[in-house]
Amino acid sequence: MLIVLLIACLLTLLSVGVHYSALSLLTEFMLKRDYHVRRWVGVSILAMLLAHVIEVSMYAIGYIILGRYFDYGDLVGSMGDEIISDYWYFSFVSYTSLGFGDIVPTGALRLMTALETLTGLILIAWSASFIFMQMHRFWSVEVKP
């Protein structure tokens, strides 16, 4: 269980690092260019989605390695023929806290799932607050009569 906890913490730190880097690069990119607000919002949303997909993918790889190769638990349920996509799907469901329940973790992977859900909630909220603050900043400049 300790190994799973350490790997889950490492994945959390990596996810926060990816997210911080994405937001920093996005801020630098937007400050250096003169974009229309609509274009900036579109680019921001796509960049955030890409960052979240990378973060979810890191956790999916963690589930595969810990579950399939080191036997710290597994994912059980309606696993189809495409097992890799099922790990990715489960990671998305956990990260976004949807929790459908068609695939559930067993063993020590349950701890990693809980930490992924908490991390996902925080990073999704961070994305939303970042976009809100940037829109407030840019819209207050552009909308003045």
N, C-alpha and C. Protein backbone atom coordinates (compact mmCIF):
# COMPACT_ATOMS: atom_id res chain seq x y z
N MET A 1 0.83 -1.19 0.00
CA MET A 1 0.00 0.00 0.00
C MET A 1 0.87 1.26 0.00
N LEU A 2 2.01 1.22 0.67
CA LEU A 2 2.90 2.38 0.73
C LEU A 2 3.42 2.76 -0.65
N ILE A 3 3.72 1.75 -1.47
CA ILE A 3 4.22 2.03 -2.82
C ILE A 3 3.14 2.74 -3.64
N VAL A 4 1.91 2.28 -3.52
CA VAL A 4 0.80 2.90 -4.25
C VAL A 4 0.62 4.34 -3.78
N LEU A 5 0.70 4.56 -2.50
CA LEU A 5 0.57 5.91 -1.96
C LEU A 5 1.68 6.82 -2.48
N LEU A 6 2.91 6.32 -2.51
CA LEU A 6 4.03 7.11 -3.03
C LEU A 6 3.87 7.42 -4.51
N ILE A 7 3.45 6.44 -5.28
CA ILE A 7 3.26 6.67 -6.71
C ILE A 7 2.08 7.61 -6.95
N ALA A 8 1.02 7.48 -6.16
CA ALA A 8 -0.12 8.39 -6.28
C ALA A 8 0.29 9.82 -5.95
N CYS A 9 1.12 9.98 -4.92
CA CYS A 9 1.62 11.32 -4.58
C CYS A 9 2.52 11.87 -5.68
N LEU A 10 3.34 11.01 -6.25
CA LEU A 10 4.20 11.43 -7.37
C LEU A 10 3.35 11.86 -8.57
N LEU A 11 2.32 11.08 -8.89
CA LEU A 11 1.43 11.44 -9.99
C LEU A 11 0.71 12.76 -9.72
N THR A 12 0.34 12.98 -8.47
CA THR A 12 -0.31 14.24 -8.10
C THR A 12 0.64 15.40 -8.31
N LEU A 13 1.87 15.25 -7.85
CA LEU A 13 2.86 16.32 -8.04
C LEU A 13 3.15 16.57 -9.51
N LEU A 14 3.25 15.51 -10.28
CA LEU A 14 3.46 15.66 -11.73
C LEU A 14 2.27 16.36 -12.39
N SER A 15 1.07 16.00 -11.96
CA SER A 15 -0.13 16.64 -12.52
C SER A 15 -0.17 18.13 -12.20
N VAL A 16 0.15 18.47 -10.98
CA VAL A 16 0.19 19.89 -10.59
C VAL A 16 1.28 20.61 -11.41
N GLY A 17 2.41 19.96 -11.60
CA GLY A 17 3.48 20.56 -12.40
C GLY A 17 3.07 20.78 -13.85
N VAL A 18 2.40 19.79 -14.43
CA VAL A 18 1.91 19.93 -15.82
C VAL A 18 0.92 21.08 -15.89
N HIS A 19 0.03 21.14 -14.92
CA HIS A 19 -1.00 22.18 -14.93
C HIS A 19 -0.39 23.57 -14.74
N TYR A 20 0.51 23.67 -13.80
CA TYR A 20 1.18 24.96 -13.57
C TYR A 20 1.93 25.40 -14.82
N SER A 21 2.63 24.47 -15.44
CA SER A 21 3.38 24.80 -16.66
C SER A 21 2.45 25.24 -17.78
N ALA A 22 1.33 24.55 -17.92
CA ALA A 22 0.37 24.91 -18.97
C ALA A 22 -0.19 26.31 -18.73
N LEU A 23 -0.56 26.61 -17.50
CA LEU A 23 -1.10 27.94 -17.20
C LEU A 23 -0.05 29.03 -17.36
N SER A 24 1.17 28.74 -16.96
CA SER A 24 2.25 29.72 -17.11
C SER A 24 2.55 29.99 -18.58
N LEU A 25 2.66 28.92 -19.36
CA LEU A 25 2.93 29.09 -20.79
C LEU A 25 1.78 29.82 -21.48
N LEU A 26 0.58 29.49 -21.10
CA LEU A 26 -0.59 30.16 -21.69
C LEU A 26 -0.59 31.64 -21.35
N THR A 27 -0.27 31.98 -20.13
CA THR A 27 -0.22 33.39 -19.72
C THR A 27 0.86 34.14 -20.50
N GLU A 28 2.05 33.56 -20.58
CA GLU A 28 3.14 34.20 -21.33
C GLU A 28 2.76 34.36 -22.79
N PHE A 29 2.18 33.32 -23.37
CA PHE A 29 1.80 33.34 -24.77
C PHE A 29 0.79 34.45 -25.04
N MET A 30 -0.19 34.59 -24.17
CA MET A 30 -1.24 35.57 -24.40
C MET A 30 -0.76 36.99 -24.13
N LEU A 31 0.15 37.18 -23.20
CA LEU A 31 0.65 38.52 -22.92
C LEU A 31 1.56 39.05 -24.03
N LYS A 32 2.21 38.15 -24.75
CA LYS A 32 3.12 38.56 -25.82
C LYS A 32 2.41 38.85 -27.13
N ARG A 33 1.17 38.44 -27.25
CA ARG A 33 0.45 38.61 -28.51
C ARG A 33 -0.79 39.45 -28.28
N ASP A 34 -1.22 40.10 -29.34
CA ASP A 34 -2.42 40.92 -29.27
C ASP A 34 -3.57 40.15 -29.90
N TYR A 35 -4.27 39.36 -29.07
CA TYR A 35 -5.38 38.54 -29.55
C TYR A 35 -6.71 39.15 -29.17
N HIS A 36 -7.67 38.86 -29.98
CA HIS A 36 -9.04 39.20 -29.65
C HIS A 36 -9.49 38.27 -28.53
N VAL A 37 -10.36 38.75 -27.66
CA VAL A 37 -10.76 38.00 -26.48
C VAL A 37 -11.38 36.65 -26.85
N ARG A 38 -12.20 36.60 -27.87
CA ARG A 38 -12.83 35.34 -28.25
C ARG A 38 -11.79 34.30 -28.64
N ARG A 39 -10.81 34.72 -29.38
CA ARG A 39 -9.75 33.81 -29.78
C ARG A 39 -8.97 33.33 -28.55
N TRP A 40 -8.71 34.25 -27.61
CA TRP A 40 -7.98 33.89 -26.41
C TRP A 40 -8.75 32.86 -25.60
N VAL A 41 -10.07 33.03 -25.48
CA VAL A 41 -10.88 32.08 -24.72
C VAL A 41 -10.82 30.70 -25.38
N GLY A 42 -10.93 30.65 -26.68
CA GLY A 42 -10.85 29.37 -27.39
C GLY A 42 -9.52 28.67 -27.19
N VAL A 43 -8.44 29.43 -27.34
CA VAL A 43 -7.11 28.86 -27.13
C VAL A 43 -6.95 28.40 -25.69
N SER A 44 -7.44 29.17 -24.75
CA SER A 44 -7.34 28.81 -23.33
C SER A 44 -8.07 27.52 -23.03
N ILE A 45 -9.28 27.39 -23.52
CA ILE A 45 -10.07 26.19 -23.27
C ILE A 45 -9.37 24.97 -23.86
N LEU A 46 -8.89 25.09 -25.08
CA LEU A 46 -8.19 23.95 -25.70
C LEU A 46 -6.92 23.60 -24.95
N ALA A 47 -6.18 24.60 -24.50
CA ALA A 47 -4.95 24.34 -23.74
C ALA A 47 -5.27 23.66 -22.42
N MET A 48 -6.33 24.11 -21.74
CA MET A 48 -6.72 23.49 -20.48
C MET A 48 -7.14 22.03 -20.69
N LEU A 49 -7.92 21.80 -21.74
CA LEU A 49 -8.35 20.43 -22.02
C LEU A 49 -7.15 19.53 -22.30
N LEU A 50 -6.19 20.04 -23.06
CA LEU A 50 -4.98 19.27 -23.33
C LEU A 50 -4.22 18.95 -22.05
N ALA A 51 -4.09 19.92 -21.17
CA ALA A 51 -3.41 19.70 -19.89
C ALA A 51 -4.14 18.63 -19.08
N HIS A 52 -5.46 18.70 -19.03
CA HIS A 52 -6.22 17.71 -18.28
C HIS A 52 -6.08 16.31 -18.90
N VAL A 53 -6.09 16.22 -20.21
CA VAL A 53 -5.93 14.92 -20.87
C VAL A 53 -4.55 14.33 -20.55
N ILE A 54 -3.53 15.15 -20.53
CA ILE A 54 -2.18 14.67 -20.17
C ILE A 54 -2.19 14.16 -18.74
N GLU A 55 -2.80 14.89 -17.84
CA GLU A 55 -2.85 14.50 -16.43
C GLU A 55 -3.63 13.20 -16.24
N VAL A 56 -4.76 13.07 -16.90
CA VAL A 56 -5.55 11.84 -16.83
C VAL A 56 -4.74 10.67 -17.38
N SER A 57 -4.03 10.90 -18.47
CA SER A 57 -3.22 9.84 -19.09
C SER A 57 -2.11 9.36 -18.16
N MET A 58 -1.52 10.28 -17.40
CA MET A 58 -0.48 9.88 -16.45
C MET A 58 -1.05 8.93 -15.40
N TYR A 59 -2.23 9.25 -14.89
CA TYR A 59 -2.86 8.36 -13.92
C TYR A 59 -3.23 7.02 -14.56
N ALA A 60 -3.71 7.04 -15.79
CA ALA A 60 -4.07 5.78 -16.48
C ALA A 60 -2.84 4.88 -16.60
N ILE A 61 -1.71 5.48 -16.93
CA ILE A 61 -0.46 4.70 -17.00
C ILE A 61 -0.12 4.15 -15.63
N GLY A 62 -0.33 4.94 -14.59
CA GLY A 62 -0.11 4.46 -13.23
C GLY A 62 -0.98 3.27 -12.89
N TYR A 63 -2.27 3.32 -13.27
CA TYR A 63 -3.16 2.17 -13.02
C TYR A 63 -2.68 0.93 -13.76
N ILE A 64 -2.27 1.12 -15.00
CA ILE A 64 -1.80 -0.03 -15.79
C ILE A 64 -0.56 -0.65 -15.15
N ILE A 65 0.40 0.18 -14.81
CA ILE A 65 1.64 -0.34 -14.24
C ILE A 65 1.40 -1.01 -12.89
N LEU A 66 0.69 -0.33 -12.00
CA LEU A 66 0.47 -0.88 -10.66
C LEU A 66 -0.48 -2.07 -10.66
N GLY A 67 -1.48 -2.05 -11.52
CA GLY A 67 -2.48 -3.11 -11.54
C GLY A 67 -2.08 -4.32 -12.36
N ARG A 68 -1.58 -4.08 -13.55
CA ARG A 68 -1.30 -5.19 -14.47
C ARG A 68 0.08 -5.80 -14.25
N TYR A 69 1.04 -4.99 -13.83
CA TYR A 69 2.41 -5.50 -13.75
C TYR A 69 2.90 -5.75 -12.33
N PHE A 70 2.34 -5.05 -11.35
CA PHE A 70 2.82 -5.21 -9.97
C PHE A 70 1.76 -5.72 -9.01
N ASP A 71 0.57 -5.99 -9.49
CA ASP A 71 -0.48 -6.64 -8.71
C ASP A 71 -0.82 -5.95 -7.39
N TYR A 72 -1.00 -4.62 -7.46
CA TYR A 72 -1.45 -3.87 -6.28
C TYR A 72 -2.96 -3.66 -6.29
N GLY A 73 -3.64 -4.40 -7.11
CA GLY A 73 -5.07 -4.27 -7.29
C GLY A 73 -5.35 -4.29 -8.77
N ASP A 74 -6.58 -4.08 -9.12
CA ASP A 74 -6.93 -4.05 -10.54
C ASP A 74 -8.23 -3.27 -10.70
N LEU A 75 -8.64 -3.13 -11.92
CA LEU A 75 -9.93 -2.53 -12.22
C LEU A 75 -10.84 -3.66 -12.67
N VAL A 76 -11.98 -3.78 -12.05
CA VAL A 76 -12.92 -4.84 -12.42
C VAL A 76 -14.25 -4.22 -12.82
N GLY A 77 -14.96 -4.93 -13.66
CA GLY A 77 -16.25 -4.45 -14.13
C GLY A 77 -16.38 -4.72 -15.60
N SER A 78 -17.02 -3.83 -16.30
CA SER A 78 -17.30 -4.04 -17.72
C SER A 78 -16.08 -3.69 -18.57
N MET A 79 -15.02 -4.43 -18.35
CA MET A 79 -13.81 -4.24 -19.15
C MET A 79 -14.01 -4.96 -20.48
N GLY A 80 -13.85 -4.24 -21.57
CA GLY A 80 -14.03 -4.82 -22.89
C GLY A 80 -12.74 -5.40 -23.43
N ASP A 81 -12.68 -5.51 -24.75
CA ASP A 81 -11.49 -6.04 -25.41
C ASP A 81 -10.34 -5.03 -25.38
N GLU A 82 -10.68 -3.77 -25.41
CA GLU A 82 -9.67 -2.70 -25.41
C GLU A 82 -9.34 -2.32 -23.97
N ILE A 83 -8.51 -3.09 -23.32
CA ILE A 83 -8.24 -2.90 -21.90
C ILE A 83 -7.54 -1.57 -21.64
N ILE A 84 -6.63 -1.17 -22.50
CA ILE A 84 -5.93 0.10 -22.29
C ILE A 84 -6.91 1.26 -22.29
N SER A 85 -7.86 1.27 -23.20
CA SER A 85 -8.84 2.35 -23.23
C SER A 85 -9.74 2.32 -22.00
N ASP A 86 -9.95 1.13 -21.43
CA ASP A 86 -10.74 1.05 -20.20
C ASP A 86 -10.01 1.70 -19.03
N TYR A 87 -8.71 1.54 -18.95
CA TYR A 87 -7.95 2.21 -17.90
C TYR A 87 -8.01 3.73 -18.08
N TRP A 88 -7.94 4.16 -19.31
CA TRP A 88 -8.01 5.59 -19.61
C TRP A 88 -9.40 6.13 -19.28
N TYR A 89 -10.42 5.37 -19.66
CA TYR A 89 -11.80 5.75 -19.36
C TYR A 89 -12.00 5.85 -17.85
N PHE A 90 -11.52 4.85 -17.11
CA PHE A 90 -11.67 4.87 -15.66
C PHE A 90 -10.95 6.07 -15.06
N SER A 91 -9.78 6.38 -15.59
CA SER A 91 -9.03 7.52 -15.09
C SER A 91 -9.80 8.83 -15.33
N PHE A 92 -10.42 8.96 -16.50
CA PHE A 92 -11.24 10.14 -16.78
C PHE A 92 -12.42 10.24 -15.81
N VAL A 93 -13.09 9.12 -15.59
CA VAL A 93 -14.25 9.10 -14.70
C VAL A 93 -13.82 9.47 -13.28
N SER A 94 -12.66 8.98 -12.86
CA SER A 94 -12.18 9.29 -11.51
C SER A 94 -11.73 10.74 -11.41
N TYR A 95 -10.96 11.21 -12.38
CA TYR A 95 -10.41 12.56 -12.37
C TYR A 95 -11.51 13.60 -12.31
N THR A 96 -12.57 13.37 -13.06
CA THR A 96 -13.67 14.34 -13.12
C THR A 96 -14.71 14.10 -12.03
N SER A 97 -14.52 13.09 -11.22
CA SER A 97 -15.40 12.70 -10.12
C SER A 97 -16.80 12.30 -10.58
N LEU A 98 -16.92 11.80 -11.82
CA LEU A 98 -18.21 11.32 -12.30
C LEU A 98 -18.63 10.05 -11.56
N GLY A 99 -17.70 9.12 -11.43
CA GLY A 99 -17.95 7.91 -10.66
C GLY A 99 -19.10 7.07 -11.15
N PHE A 100 -19.11 6.68 -12.41
CA PHE A 100 -20.20 5.86 -12.94
C PHE A 100 -20.35 4.53 -12.20
N GLY A 101 -19.26 3.90 -11.83
CA GLY A 101 -19.32 2.65 -11.09
C GLY A 101 -19.34 1.40 -11.94
N ASP A 102 -19.25 1.54 -13.27
CA ASP A 102 -19.23 0.35 -14.12
C ASP A 102 -17.87 -0.35 -14.05
N ILE A 103 -16.83 0.39 -13.72
CA ILE A 103 -15.50 -0.17 -13.49
C ILE A 103 -15.06 0.34 -12.12
N VAL A 104 -14.63 -0.56 -11.27
CA VAL A 104 -14.23 -0.16 -9.91
C VAL A 104 -12.83 -0.70 -9.59
N PRO A 105 -12.08 0.06 -8.80
CA PRO A 105 -10.74 -0.41 -8.43
C PRO A 105 -10.81 -1.39 -7.25
N THR A 106 -9.83 -2.25 -7.19
CA THR A 106 -9.71 -3.16 -6.06
C THR A 106 -8.33 -2.98 -5.44
N GLY A 107 -8.18 -3.45 -4.24
CA GLY A 107 -6.89 -3.41 -3.57
C GLY A 107 -6.42 -1.98 -3.30
N ALA A 108 -5.12 -1.82 -3.33
CA ALA A 108 -4.51 -0.53 -3.01
C ALA A 108 -4.80 0.53 -4.07
N LEU A 109 -5.24 0.12 -5.26
CA LEU A 109 -5.57 1.12 -6.30
C LEU A 109 -6.72 2.01 -5.88
N ARG A 110 -7.51 1.58 -4.91
CA ARG A 110 -8.60 2.42 -4.42
C ARG A 110 -8.06 3.72 -3.82
N LEU A 111 -6.93 3.63 -3.16
CA LEU A 111 -6.30 4.82 -2.58
C LEU A 111 -5.86 5.79 -3.68
N MET A 112 -5.27 5.24 -4.74
CA MET A 112 -4.84 6.09 -5.84
C MET A 112 -6.04 6.75 -6.52
N THR A 113 -7.15 6.03 -6.62
CA THR A 113 -8.36 6.58 -7.22
C THR A 113 -8.88 7.76 -6.40
N ALA A 114 -8.88 7.61 -5.10
CA ALA A 114 -9.35 8.71 -4.24
C ALA A 114 -8.46 9.94 -4.40
N LEU A 115 -7.16 9.74 -4.46
CA LEU A 115 -6.25 10.87 -4.61
C LEU A 115 -6.38 11.49 -6.00
N GLU A 116 -6.61 10.67 -7.02
CA GLU A 116 -6.82 11.22 -8.37
C GLU A 116 -8.07 12.08 -8.42
N THR A 117 -9.13 11.64 -7.77
CA THR A 117 -10.38 12.41 -7.75
C THR A 117 -10.18 13.76 -7.06
N LEU A 118 -9.52 13.75 -5.94
CA LEU A 118 -9.24 15.00 -5.23
C LEU A 118 -8.37 15.93 -6.07
N THR A 119 -7.35 15.37 -6.69
CA THR A 119 -6.47 16.16 -7.56
C THR A 119 -7.25 16.74 -8.74
N GLY A 120 -8.08 15.91 -9.36
CA GLY A 120 -8.87 16.37 -10.50
C GLY A 120 -9.80 17.52 -10.12
N LEU A 121 -10.46 17.40 -8.98
CA LEU A 121 -11.35 18.47 -8.55
C LEU A 121 -10.59 19.79 -8.36
N ILE A 122 -9.43 19.70 -7.73
CA ILE A 122 -8.64 20.91 -7.49
C ILE A 122 -8.14 21.51 -8.80
N LEU A 123 -7.63 20.67 -9.71
CA LEU A 123 -7.08 21.19 -10.96
C LEU A 123 -8.17 21.72 -11.89
N ILE A 124 -9.33 21.09 -11.88
CA ILE A 124 -10.45 21.61 -12.68
C ILE A 124 -10.90 22.97 -12.13
N ALA A 125 -10.97 23.09 -10.82
CA ALA A 125 -11.32 24.38 -10.22
C ALA A 125 -10.25 25.43 -10.52
N TRP A 126 -9.00 25.03 -10.51
CA TRP A 126 -7.91 25.95 -10.84
C TRP A 126 -8.06 26.44 -12.28
N SER A 127 -8.38 25.55 -13.19
CA SER A 127 -8.60 25.94 -14.59
C SER A 127 -9.75 26.94 -14.70
N ALA A 128 -10.84 26.64 -14.03
CA ALA A 128 -12.01 27.52 -14.10
C ALA A 128 -11.69 28.90 -13.52
N SER A 129 -11.00 28.94 -12.40
CA SER A 129 -10.68 30.24 -11.80
C SER A 129 -9.67 31.00 -12.65
N PHE A 130 -8.74 30.30 -13.27
CA PHE A 130 -7.77 30.94 -14.16
C PHE A 130 -8.49 31.61 -15.33
N ILE A 131 -9.37 30.87 -15.98
CA ILE A 131 -10.10 31.43 -17.12
C ILE A 131 -10.98 32.58 -16.67
N PHE A 132 -11.64 32.44 -15.54
CA PHE A 132 -12.48 33.52 -15.03
C PHE A 132 -11.64 34.78 -14.80
N MET A 133 -10.50 34.63 -14.14
CA MET A 133 -9.66 35.80 -13.85
C MET A 133 -9.12 36.43 -15.13
N GLN A 134 -8.70 35.62 -16.07
CA GLN A 134 -8.18 36.16 -17.32
C GLN A 134 -9.27 36.82 -18.14
N MET A 135 -10.46 36.23 -18.17
CA MET A 135 -11.57 36.85 -18.90
C MET A 135 -11.95 38.18 -18.26
N HIS A 136 -11.97 38.21 -16.94
CA HIS A 136 -12.28 39.45 -16.24
C HIS A 136 -11.24 40.52 -16.59
N ARG A 137 -10.01 40.11 -16.62
CA ARG A 137 -8.91 41.03 -16.93
C ARG A 137 -9.01 41.56 -18.36
N PHE A 138 -9.18 40.65 -19.33
CA PHE A 138 -9.21 41.05 -20.73
C PHE A 138 -10.52 41.72 -21.10
N TRP A 139 -11.62 41.24 -20.57
CA TRP A 139 -12.91 41.82 -20.92
C TRP A 139 -13.06 43.22 -20.35
N SER A 140 -12.49 43.47 -19.19
CA SER A 140 -12.61 44.81 -18.63
C SER A 140 -11.84 45.82 -19.47
N VAL A 141 -10.82 45.37 -20.18
CA VAL A 141 -10.05 46.26 -21.05
C VAL A 141 -10.77 46.45 -22.37
N GLU A 142 -11.34 45.37 -22.93
CA GLU A 142 -11.91 45.43 -24.26
C GLU A 142 -13.31 46.01 -24.29
N VAL A 143 -14.10 45.85 -23.26
CA VAL A 143 -15.51 46.20 -23.28
C VAL A 143 -15.75 47.66 -22.91
N LYS A 144 -14.77 48.39 -22.48
CA LYS A 144 -14.98 49.78 -22.08
C LYS A 144 -15.55 50.59 -23.23
N PRO A 145 -16.57 51.45 -22.93
CA PRO A 145 -17.20 52.25 -23.99
C PRO A 145 -16.31 53.38 -24.47
